[in-house]
Each structure stands twice: as C-alpha cells, then as structure tokens.
Amino acid sequence: MIEKTEKRKESKRETEGKRKLEIVWRKILEMLYPTTCVFCGAVASEGICEECRKEVKLIQEPRCKKCGKPVRYEEQEYCYDCQKTTHLYEQGRSLWLHKPPVSQSVYQFKYSNRRVFAEYYAGQMAEQFSDLLRLWQIEVIVPVPIHKSKRKRRGYNQAEVLAKELSRRVDIPVEVFAVRRVQKTKPLKTMNPDERRKALSKAFSVESDWKPKRNILLIDDIYTTGSTIDEIARIMKEKGVQKVYFLTISVGQGF
C-alpha cells in the first residue's frame, strides 16, 4: 500500500515537472518566435493585432440560412446562389468574407507554409460555432482532401491542418483519410458552376473500409459556389451518411 502511494506521488511529480518544462519551453519559443497577426504580420499575442481586430469583422446576421453568406435583408432567407442551386449538404458557416486582408491570410496559410495560422482560425471557429456543432450533433470532422501530387508539392493539406486544430478544441474526432482526391482538375476559380460540378463529378472517393457516421462536418479553407462540398456530400450520403455540414475560414461574396 505504501509502495503504491509512493508510486502515485512520483508519477504526480513527473507530470508536474513535464508541465513546468512545457511552460518554460513555450515561453522561450514565444521570445524567439513571437506570435504575429495572421492578417498583417505585426507582433500580436493573440494572433490578431488591434488594428486588424477593428478592420476584420466576423460574419453576422442576416446571413443565408443554407451557406451562411451575408444577405442584405433580415427577410431574405437565402443568398442569390442558394436560391437557384439545390445543395446536397445541410448547412454551413464561415468566419469571414474572402476579401483583403482575409484573402491574403488564407493565401499564405494555403501556399506559403503558414500552418501556424490554423491555431487562430480554429480558435475562432471553436469560439463562434461550438454551440452550432452541438446543435448539428457532429460525430466526426473530415477535411476536404487535395490530390496527392498537390500535397507532395505543397507538403501539407491546409484543410487537414485546420481540421486537426479544431478537433483538439471541440473534442470531436477527425478522420483524415475518410475521403480521397482521386482526380486532378483545372483550377476551379476559372470555371462556372456547371463546369465545376462536371469537373468534380469523379474527383473524390470514400475509402472502402470507412464506417459512415450520421452527421459529418467538412472543413475547408474557402467556400465559393459549394460545388466541392456538394460533391463530397453526395458520395458520403451514398455510403450511408445522413447529414453533411461544413465550416470554412472564408466565404466568397455574393448576395
């Protein structure tokens, strides 16, 4: 009995020692590599400087009840895109409009190895949408995949980095390899909505041994027309998923 008590005390001392060491290392790293604003690069302890905090505003109501884009009037239920498009996902939300300085920040996160930005993005998602995730009864988080050639060239999938950060904050598991990108396409921004849907029709595949969940949350960096989210929602529902939702960092403008 005494031996067990001593072992517990020793284990507690080791845990406390590790915690103190982590705090020291974190402080050292903060001194060597201070946290900077994800939007302008200025030193900022919380990931955003005061100037950008004033300029960069989170999307608020009124917004589209489907995709979450801002709309002009309280009485307007859906944005122009969602009024003329039948989406296969249930609902989605984004943090900010995709315009400067948000667009530059997302570009750096996506192409310039600024993976550290995911900490701020995920923190904002958790703060703004935790209640919504509970309402949606999300069981698993799935990042939108990129093709293996693009991943090899870039070194990472930005949606995966963001999904893992969000998972850690909201305590919902992430399943990185549930969906694969099996075909490359031309840049979607060069296509109209019909061309996007056609190009994406065979671009994704659900892993054969993946066990479907009832309610899925897709994570991506930008929402524009919803073609990518729709296509993944379609193939996942074919596998038995009941409802698909999404969160993104930014959303294209369009009323």
C-alpha atoms as a PDB file:
ATOM      1  CA  MET A   1       0.000   0.000   0.000  1.00  0.00           C
ATOM      2  CA  ILE A   2       2.838   2.371   0.926  1.00  0.00           C
ATOM      3  CA  GLU A   3       4.644   1.406  -2.275  1.00  0.00           C
ATOM      4  CA  LYS A   4       1.574   2.271  -4.407  1.00  0.00           C
ATOM      5  CA  THR A   5       1.224   5.628  -2.643  1.00  0.00           C
ATOM      6  CA  GLU A   6       4.871   6.440  -3.302  1.00  0.00           C
ATOM      7  CA  LYS A   7       4.494   5.496  -6.979  1.00  0.00           C
ATOM      8  CA  ARG A   8       1.461   7.787  -7.311  1.00  0.00           C
ATOM      9  CA  LYS A   9       3.406  10.647  -5.715  1.00  0.00           C
ATOM     10  CA  GLU A  10       6.340  10.013  -8.036  1.00  0.00           C
ATOM     11  CA  SER A  11       4.030   9.941 -11.060  1.00  0.00           C
ATOM     12  CA  LYS A  12       2.412  13.199  -9.946  1.00  0.00           C
ATOM     13  CA  ARG A  13       5.834  14.847  -9.531  1.00  0.00           C
ATOM     14  CA  GLU A  14       6.847  13.684 -13.028  1.00  0.00           C
ATOM     15  CA  THR A  15       3.618  15.088 -14.518  1.00  0.00           C
ATOM     16  CA  GLU A  16       4.094  18.419 -12.766  1.00  0.00           C
ATOM     17  CA  GLY A  17       7.719  18.509 -13.882  1.00  0.00           C
ATOM     18  CA  LYS A  18       6.747  17.925 -17.513  1.00  0.00           C
ATOM     19  CA  ARG A  19       4.081  20.615 -17.289  1.00  0.00           C
ATOM     20  CA  LYS A  20       6.573  23.150 -15.900  1.00  0.00           C
ATOM     21  CA  LEU A  21       9.083  22.224 -18.593  1.00  0.00           C
ATOM     22  CA  GLU A  22       6.440  22.718 -21.312  1.00  0.00           C
ATOM     23  CA  ILE A  23       5.611  26.154 -19.897  1.00  0.00           C
ATOM     24  CA  VAL A  24       9.297  27.134 -19.903  1.00  0.00           C
ATOM     25  CA  TRP A  25       9.772  25.925 -23.483  1.00  0.00           C
ATOM     26  CA  ARG A  26       6.650  27.749 -24.596  1.00  0.00           C
ATOM     27  CA  LYS A  27       7.932  30.994 -23.106  1.00  0.00           C
ATOM     28  CA  ILE A  28      11.323  30.506 -24.760  1.00  0.00           C
ATOM     29  CA  LEU A  29       9.683  29.864 -28.131  1.00  0.00           C
ATOM     30  CA  GLU A  30       7.467  32.918 -27.707  1.00  0.00           C
ATOM     31  CA  MET A  31      10.580  35.022 -27.111  1.00  0.00           C
ATOM     32  CA  LEU A  32      12.401  33.575 -30.128  1.00  0.00           C
ATOM     33  CA  TYR A  33       9.359  33.378 -32.404  1.00  0.00           C
ATOM     34  CA  PRO A  34       6.732  35.845 -31.159  1.00  0.00           C
ATOM     35  CA  THR A  35       3.142  35.313 -32.227  1.00  0.00           C
ATOM     36  CA  THR A  36       2.190  37.554 -35.117  1.00  0.00           C
ATOM     37  CA  CYS A  37      -1.096  38.780 -36.526  1.00  0.00           C
ATOM     38  CA  VAL A  38      -2.403  36.329 -39.127  1.00  0.00           C
ATOM     39  CA  PHE A  39      -3.645  39.235 -41.233  1.00  0.00           C
ATOM     40  CA  CYS A  40      -0.813  41.790 -41.268  1.00  0.00           C
ATOM     41  CA  GLY A  41       2.209  40.126 -39.664  1.00  0.00           C
ATOM     42  CA  ALA A  42       2.576  42.549 -36.752  1.00  0.00           C
ATOM     43  CA  VAL A  43       3.546  41.092 -33.374  1.00  0.00           C
ATOM     44  CA  ALA A  44       0.300  40.162 -31.606  1.00  0.00           C
ATOM     45  CA  SER A  45      -0.038  37.948 -28.563  1.00  0.00           C
ATOM     46  CA  GLU A  46      -3.474  36.599 -29.532  1.00  0.00           C
ATOM     47  CA  GLY A  47      -2.939  36.065 -33.257  1.00  0.00           C
ATOM     48  CA  ILE A  48      -4.537  39.339 -34.298  1.00  0.00           C
ATOM     49  CA  CYS A  49      -3.398  42.918 -33.746  1.00  0.00           C
ATOM     50  CA  GLU A  50      -5.681  45.684 -32.532  1.00  0.00           C
ATOM     51  CA  GLU A  51      -5.813  47.399 -35.930  1.00  0.00           C
ATOM     52  CA  CYS A  52      -6.913  44.219 -37.722  1.00  0.00           C
ATOM     53  CA  ARG A  53      -9.358  43.423 -34.931  1.00  0.00           C
ATOM     54  CA  LYS A  54     -11.097  46.677 -35.805  1.00  0.00           C
ATOM     55  CA  GLU A  55     -10.976  46.039 -39.550  1.00  0.00           C
ATOM     56  CA  VAL A  56     -11.681  42.292 -39.848  1.00  0.00           C
ATOM     57  CA  LYS A  57     -15.252  41.603 -38.814  1.00  0.00           C
ATOM     58  CA  LEU A  58     -16.820  38.185 -38.332  1.00  0.00           C
ATOM     59  CA  ILE A  59     -19.874  37.470 -40.475  1.00  0.00           C
ATOM     60  CA  GLN A  60     -23.027  38.266 -38.554  1.00  0.00           C
ATOM     61  CA  GLU A  61     -26.754  38.044 -39.203  1.00  0.00           C
ATOM     62  CA  PRO A  62     -28.514  38.437 -41.528  1.00  0.00           C
ATOM     63  CA  ARG A  63     -26.954  35.612 -43.481  1.00  0.00           C
ATOM     64  CA  CYS A  64     -28.087  32.838 -45.797  1.00  0.00           C
ATOM     65  CA  LYS A  65     -29.719  30.016 -43.868  1.00  0.00           C
ATOM     66  CA  LYS A  66     -28.007  27.477 -46.128  1.00  0.00           C
ATOM     67  CA  CYS A  67     -24.421  28.505 -46.871  1.00  0.00           C
ATOM     68  CA  GLY A  68     -24.010  31.305 -44.342  1.00  0.00           C
ATOM     69  CA  LYS A  69     -23.104  34.084 -46.788  1.00  0.00           C
ATOM     70  CA  PRO A  70     -24.259  37.526 -45.648  1.00  0.00           C
ATOM     71  CA  VAL A  71     -27.505  38.738 -47.182  1.00  0.00           C
ATOM     72  CA  ARG A  72     -28.856  42.275 -47.441  1.00  0.00           C
ATOM     73  CA  TYR A  73     -32.150  41.992 -45.568  1.00  0.00           C
ATOM     74  CA  GLU A  74     -33.476  40.217 -42.468  1.00  0.00           C
ATOM     75  CA  GLU A  75     -36.393  38.920 -44.548  1.00  0.00           C
ATOM     76  CA  GLN A  76     -34.045  37.305 -47.085  1.00  0.00           C
ATOM     77  CA  GLU A  77     -33.682  33.613 -46.201  1.00  0.00           C
ATOM     78  CA  TYR A  78     -31.219  32.573 -48.904  1.00  0.00           C
ATOM     79  CA  CYS A  79     -28.438  34.231 -50.868  1.00  0.00           C
ATOM     80  CA  TYR A  80     -28.682  34.515 -54.648  1.00  0.00           C
ATOM     81  CA  ASP A  81     -26.568  31.380 -55.195  1.00  0.00           C
ATOM     82  CA  CYS A  82     -28.623  29.207 -52.866  1.00  0.00           C
ATOM     83  CA  GLN A  83     -31.892  30.482 -54.314  1.00  0.00           C
ATOM     84  CA  LYS A  84     -31.016  28.938 -57.672  1.00  0.00           C
ATOM     85  CA  THR A  85     -28.990  25.914 -56.542  1.00  0.00           C
ATOM     86  CA  THR A  86     -30.105  22.715 -54.824  1.00  0.00           C
ATOM     87  CA  HIS A  87     -27.248  21.907 -52.459  1.00  0.00           C
ATOM     88  CA  LEU A  88     -26.618  18.392 -51.177  1.00  0.00           C
ATOM     89  CA  TYR A  89     -25.228  19.483 -47.831  1.00  0.00           C
ATOM     90  CA  GLU A  90     -27.457  20.578 -44.956  1.00  0.00           C
ATOM     91  CA  GLN A  91     -25.894  23.819 -43.780  1.00  0.00           C
ATOM     92  CA  GLY A  92     -22.591  25.632 -43.380  1.00  0.00           C
ATOM     93  CA  ARG A  93     -20.886  28.641 -41.866  1.00  0.00           C
ATOM     94  CA  SER A  94     -17.712  30.672 -42.434  1.00  0.00           C
ATOM     95  CA  LEU A  95     -15.808  33.119 -40.257  1.00  0.00           C
ATOM     96  CA  TRP A  96     -15.097  35.994 -42.641  1.00  0.00           C
ATOM     97  CA  LEU A  97     -15.738  37.290 -46.150  1.00  0.00           C
ATOM     98  CA  HIS A  98     -12.999  36.372 -48.617  1.00  0.00           C
ATOM     99  CA  LYS A  99     -11.587  39.835 -49.174  1.00  0.00           C
ATOM    100  CA  PRO A 100      -8.396  41.625 -48.053  1.00  0.00           C
ATOM    101  CA  PRO A 101      -6.799  41.159 -45.590  1.00  0.00           C
ATOM    102  CA  VAL A 102      -8.530  37.790 -45.032  1.00  0.00           C
ATOM    103  CA  SER A 103      -7.836  36.602 -48.574  1.00  0.00           C
ATOM    104  CA  GLN A 104      -4.085  37.309 -48.224  1.00  0.00           C
ATOM    105  CA  SER A 105      -4.025  35.491 -44.892  1.00  0.00           C
ATOM    106  CA  VAL A 106      -5.718  32.409 -46.350  1.00  0.00           C
ATOM    107  CA  TYR A 107      -3.348  32.503 -49.327  1.00  0.00           C
ATOM    108  CA  GLN A 108      -0.333  32.458 -47.002  1.00  0.00           C
ATOM    109  CA  PHE A 109      -1.858  29.657 -44.950  1.00  0.00           C
ATOM    110  CA  LYS A 110      -2.518  27.657 -48.093  1.00  0.00           C
ATOM    111  CA  TYR A 111       0.585  28.261 -50.201  1.00  0.00           C
ATOM    112  CA  SER A 112       3.317  29.782 -48.014  1.00  0.00           C
ATOM    113  CA  ASN A 113       3.555  27.166 -45.267  1.00  0.00           C
ATOM    114  CA  ARG A 114       1.936  29.387 -42.652  1.00  0.00           C
ATOM    115  CA  ARG A 115       0.403  26.378 -40.961  1.00  0.00           C
ATOM    116  CA  VAL A 116       0.605  28.149 -37.624  1.00  0.00           C
ATOM    117  CA  PHE A 117      -2.325  30.326 -38.770  1.00  0.00           C
ATOM    118  CA  ALA A 118      -4.581  27.303 -38.220  1.00  0.00           C
ATOM    119  CA  GLU A 119      -4.317  27.853 -34.460  1.00  0.00           C
ATOM    120  CA  TYR A 120      -6.031  31.229 -34.706  1.00  0.00           C
ATOM    121  CA  TYR A 121      -8.561  30.114 -37.323  1.00  0.00           C
ATOM    122  CA  ALA A 122      -9.538  27.020 -35.325  1.00  0.00           C
ATOM    123  CA  GLY A 123      -9.743  29.028 -32.117  1.00  0.00           C
ATOM    124  CA  GLN A 124     -12.197  31.409 -33.774  1.00  0.00           C
ATOM    125  CA  MET A 125     -14.218  28.517 -35.196  1.00  0.00           C
ATOM    126  CA  ALA A 126     -14.463  26.883 -31.780  1.00  0.00           C
ATOM    127  CA  GLU A 127     -15.490  30.155 -30.153  1.00  0.00           C
ATOM    128  CA  GLN A 128     -18.073  31.086 -32.773  1.00  0.00           C
ATOM    129  CA  PHE A 129     -19.532  27.713 -33.730  1.00  0.00           C
ATOM    130  CA  SER A 130     -19.260  25.291 -30.759  1.00  0.00           C
ATOM    131  CA  ASP A 131     -22.963  25.645 -29.967  1.00  0.00           C
ATOM    132  CA  LEU A 132     -23.811  25.090 -33.621  1.00  0.00           C
ATOM    133  CA  LEU A 133     -21.708  21.914 -33.756  1.00  0.00           C
ATOM    134  CA  ARG A 134     -23.643  20.564 -30.776  1.00  0.00           C
ATOM    135  CA  LEU A 135     -26.923  21.503 -32.460  1.00  0.00           C
ATOM    136  CA  TRP A 136     -25.799  19.724 -35.630  1.00  0.00           C
ATOM    137  CA  GLN A 137     -24.768  16.725 -33.479  1.00  0.00           C
ATOM    138  CA  ILE A 138     -21.472  16.351 -35.333  1.00  0.00           C
ATOM    139  CA  GLU A 139     -19.843  12.963 -34.801  1.00  0.00           C
ATOM    140  CA  VAL A 140     -16.684  13.335 -36.853  1.00  0.00           C
ATOM    141  CA  ILE A 141     -14.698  16.041 -38.654  1.00  0.00           C
ATOM    142  CA  VAL A 142     -13.458  15.342 -42.200  1.00  0.00           C
ATOM    143  CA  PRO A 143     -11.060  17.694 -44.026  1.00  0.00           C
ATOM    144  CA  VAL A 144     -11.619  18.278 -47.730  1.00  0.00           C
ATOM    145  CA  PRO A 145      -8.725  16.368 -49.363  1.00  0.00           C
ATOM    146  CA  ILE A 146      -6.297  17.561 -52.017  1.00  0.00           C
ATOM    147  CA  HIS A 147      -4.706  15.397 -54.723  1.00  0.00           C
ATOM    148  CA  LYS A 148      -1.529  13.544 -53.724  1.00  0.00           C
ATOM    149  CA  SER A 149       0.522  15.428 -56.327  1.00  0.00           C
ATOM    150  CA  LYS A 150      -0.531  18.751 -54.856  1.00  0.00           C
ATOM    151  CA  ARG A 151       0.123  17.521 -51.325  1.00  0.00           C
ATOM    152  CA  LYS A 152       3.601  16.346 -52.344  1.00  0.00           C
ATOM    153  CA  ARG A 153       4.396  19.713 -53.920  1.00  0.00           C
ATOM    154  CA  ARG A 154       2.958  21.793 -51.070  1.00  0.00           C
ATOM    155  CA  GLY A 155       3.928  19.467 -48.219  1.00  0.00           C
ATOM    156  CA  TYR A 156       0.580  19.551 -46.421  1.00  0.00           C
ATOM    157  CA  ASN A 157      -3.177  19.855 -46.825  1.00  0.00           C
ATOM    158  CA  GLN A 158      -4.331  23.106 -45.264  1.00  0.00           C
ATOM    159  CA  ALA A 159      -7.826  21.728 -44.576  1.00  0.00           C
ATOM    160  CA  GLU A 160      -6.314  18.795 -42.682  1.00  0.00           C
ATOM    161  CA  VAL A 161      -4.151  21.089 -40.546  1.00  0.00           C
ATOM    162  CA  LEU A 162      -7.210  23.197 -39.707  1.00  0.00           C
ATOM    163  CA  ALA A 163      -9.414  20.162 -39.018  1.00  0.00           C
ATOM    164  CA  LYS A 164      -6.914  18.743 -36.522  1.00  0.00           C
ATOM    165  CA  GLU A 165      -6.663  22.060 -34.693  1.00  0.00           C
ATOM    166  CA  LEU A 166     -10.446  22.357 -34.491  1.00  0.00           C
ATOM    167  CA  SER A 167     -10.775  18.732 -33.352  1.00  0.00           C
ATOM    168  CA  ARG A 168      -8.454  19.427 -30.439  1.00  0.00           C
ATOM    169  CA  ARG A 169     -10.542  22.392 -29.327  1.00  0.00           C
ATOM    170  CA  VAL A 170     -14.061  20.983 -29.648  1.00  0.00           C
ATOM    171  CA  ASP A 171     -13.234  17.380 -28.697  1.00  0.00           C
ATOM    172  CA  ILE A 172     -14.707  15.853 -31.853  1.00  0.00           C
ATOM    173  CA  PRO A 173     -12.585  13.198 -33.609  1.00  0.00           C
ATOM    174  CA  VAL A 174     -11.097  13.922 -37.018  1.00  0.00           C
ATOM    175  CA  GLU A 175     -10.852  11.262 -39.744  1.00  0.00           C
ATOM    176  CA  VAL A 176      -8.275  12.469 -42.226  1.00  0.00           C
ATOM    177  CA  PHE A 177      -8.470   9.620 -44.726  1.00  0.00           C
ATOM    178  CA  ALA A 178     -12.239   9.138 -44.957  1.00  0.00           C
ATOM    179  CA  VAL A 179     -12.271  10.816 -48.385  1.00  0.00           C
ATOM    180  CA  ARG A 180      -9.526  10.898 -51.034  1.00  0.00           C
ATOM    181  CA  ARG A 181      -8.991  13.180 -54.005  1.00  0.00           C
ATOM    182  CA  VAL A 182      -8.519  10.706 -56.861  1.00  0.00           C
ATOM    183  CA  GLN A 183      -8.533  13.074 -59.841  1.00  0.00           C
ATOM    184  CA  LYS A 184      -6.851  16.384 -60.508  1.00  0.00           C
ATOM    185  CA  THR A 185      -8.844  19.217 -62.034  1.00  0.00           C
ATOM    186  CA  LYS A 186      -8.053  22.585 -63.505  1.00  0.00           C
ATOM    187  CA  PRO A 187      -8.304  25.480 -61.010  1.00  0.00           C
ATOM    188  CA  LEU A 188     -11.997  25.739 -60.114  1.00  0.00           C
ATOM    189  CA  LYS A 189     -11.859  29.533 -59.980  1.00  0.00           C
ATOM    190  CA  THR A 190     -11.561  29.536 -63.789  1.00  0.00           C
ATOM    191  CA  MET A 191     -14.851  27.610 -64.209  1.00  0.00           C
ATOM    192  CA  ASN A 192     -18.519  28.500 -63.983  1.00  0.00           C
ATOM    193  CA  PRO A 193     -20.750  26.479 -61.568  1.00  0.00           C
ATOM    194  CA  ASP A 194     -21.806  23.900 -64.185  1.00  0.00           C
ATOM    195  CA  GLU A 195     -18.193  23.329 -65.250  1.00  0.00           C
ATOM    196  CA  ARG A 196     -17.165  22.923 -61.609  1.00  0.00           C
ATOM    197  CA  ARG A 197     -19.803  20.272 -60.957  1.00  0.00           C
ATOM    198  CA  LYS A 198     -18.806  18.347 -64.070  1.00  0.00           C
ATOM    199  CA  ALA A 199     -15.094  18.532 -63.245  1.00  0.00           C
ATOM    200  CA  LEU A 200     -15.681  17.329 -59.677  1.00  0.00           C
ATOM    201  CA  SER A 201     -18.115  14.517 -60.534  1.00  0.00           C
ATOM    202  CA  LYS A 202     -15.404  11.836 -60.257  1.00  0.00           C
ATOM    203  CA  ALA A 203     -12.757  13.737 -58.348  1.00  0.00           C
ATOM    204  CA  PHE A 204     -13.373  12.230 -54.888  1.00  0.00           C
ATOM    205  CA  SER A 205     -13.734   8.766 -53.433  1.00  0.00           C
ATOM    206  CA  VAL A 206     -14.788   7.488 -49.993  1.00  0.00           C
ATOM    207  CA  GLU A 207     -12.414   4.889 -48.567  1.00  0.00           C
ATOM    208  CA  SER A 208     -13.936   1.417 -48.910  1.00  0.00           C
ATOM    209  CA  ASP A 209     -13.296   0.465 -45.266  1.00  0.00           C
ATOM    210  CA  TRP A 210     -14.564   3.761 -43.825  1.00  0.00           C
ATOM    211  CA  LYS A 211     -17.531   3.355 -41.477  1.00  0.00           C
ATOM    212  CA  PRO A 212     -20.118   6.075 -42.171  1.00  0.00           C
ATOM    213  CA  LYS A 213     -21.371   8.311 -39.355  1.00  0.00           C
ATOM    214  CA  ARG A 214     -24.736  10.010 -39.170  1.00  0.00           C
ATOM    215  CA  ASN A 215     -23.608  13.650 -39.065  1.00  0.00           C
ATOM    216  CA  ILE A 216     -20.353  14.807 -40.670  1.00  0.00           C
ATOM    217  CA  LEU A 217     -18.568  18.156 -40.569  1.00  0.00           C
ATOM    218  CA  LEU A 218     -16.446  19.006 -43.614  1.00  0.00           C
ATOM    219  CA  ILE A 219     -13.607  21.503 -43.161  1.00  0.00           C
ATOM    220  CA  ASP A 220     -12.127  23.596 -45.974  1.00  0.00           C
ATOM    221  CA  ASP A 221     -10.396  26.947 -46.344  1.00  0.00           C
ATOM    222  CA  ILE A 222     -12.767  28.776 -48.721  1.00  0.00           C
ATOM    223  CA  TYR A 223     -16.411  28.375 -49.751  1.00  0.00           C
ATOM    224  CA  THR A 224     -17.366  29.835 -53.122  1.00  0.00           C
ATOM    225  CA  THR A 225     -20.152  28.058 -55.027  1.00  0.00           C
ATOM    226  CA  GLY A 226     -20.324  24.946 -52.835  1.00  0.00           C
ATOM    227  CA  SER A 227     -19.506  22.548 -55.686  1.00  0.00           C
ATOM    228  CA  THR A 228     -16.748  20.759 -53.759  1.00  0.00           C
ATOM    229  CA  ILE A 229     -18.808  20.432 -50.580  1.00  0.00           C
ATOM    230  CA  ASP A 230     -21.799  19.198 -52.597  1.00  0.00           C
ATOM    231  CA  GLU A 231     -19.801  16.518 -54.388  1.00  0.00           C
ATOM    232  CA  ILE A 232     -18.297  15.166 -51.182  1.00  0.00           C
ATOM    233  CA  ALA A 233     -21.733  15.278 -49.527  1.00  0.00           C
ATOM    234  CA  ARG A 234     -23.154  13.270 -52.434  1.00  0.00           C
ATOM    235  CA  ILE A 235     -20.635  10.428 -52.273  1.00  0.00           C
ATOM    236  CA  MET A 236     -20.729  10.297 -48.468  1.00  0.00           C
ATOM    237  CA  LYS A 237     -24.502  10.061 -48.419  1.00  0.00           C
ATOM    238  CA  GLU A 238     -24.273   7.229 -50.943  1.00  0.00           C
ATOM    239  CA  LYS A 239     -22.193   5.420 -48.312  1.00  0.00           C
ATOM    240  CA  GLY A 240     -24.778   5.932 -45.581  1.00  0.00           C
ATOM    241  CA  VAL A 241     -24.062   9.351 -44.062  1.00  0.00           C
ATOM    242  CA  GLN A 242     -27.307  11.105 -43.150  1.00  0.00           C
ATOM    243  CA  LYS A 243     -26.315  14.776 -42.887  1.00  0.00           C
ATOM    244  CA  VAL A 244     -23.297  16.786 -44.039  1.00  0.00           C
ATOM    245  CA  TYR A 245     -22.361  20.236 -42.731  1.00  0.00           C
ATOM    246  CA  PHE A 246     -19.345  22.448 -43.346  1.00  0.00           C
ATOM    247  CA  LEU A 247     -17.174  25.156 -41.827  1.00  0.00           C
ATOM    248  CA  THR A 248     -14.648  27.282 -43.728  1.00  0.00           C
ATOM    249  CA  ILE A 249     -12.346  30.155 -42.890  1.00  0.00           C
ATOM    250  CA  SER A 250     -13.801  32.488 -45.507  1.00  0.00           C
ATOM    251  CA  VAL A 251     -16.670  32.679 -47.964  1.00  0.00           C
ATOM    252  CA  GLY A 252     -16.962  34.403 -51.317  1.00  0.00           C
ATOM    253  CA  GLN A 253     -19.162  37.438 -51.593  1.00  0.00           C
ATOM    254  CA  GLY A 254     -22.446  37.219 -53.397  1.00  0.00           C
ATOM    255  CA  PHE A 255     -25.899  38.189 -52.296  1.00  0.00           C
END
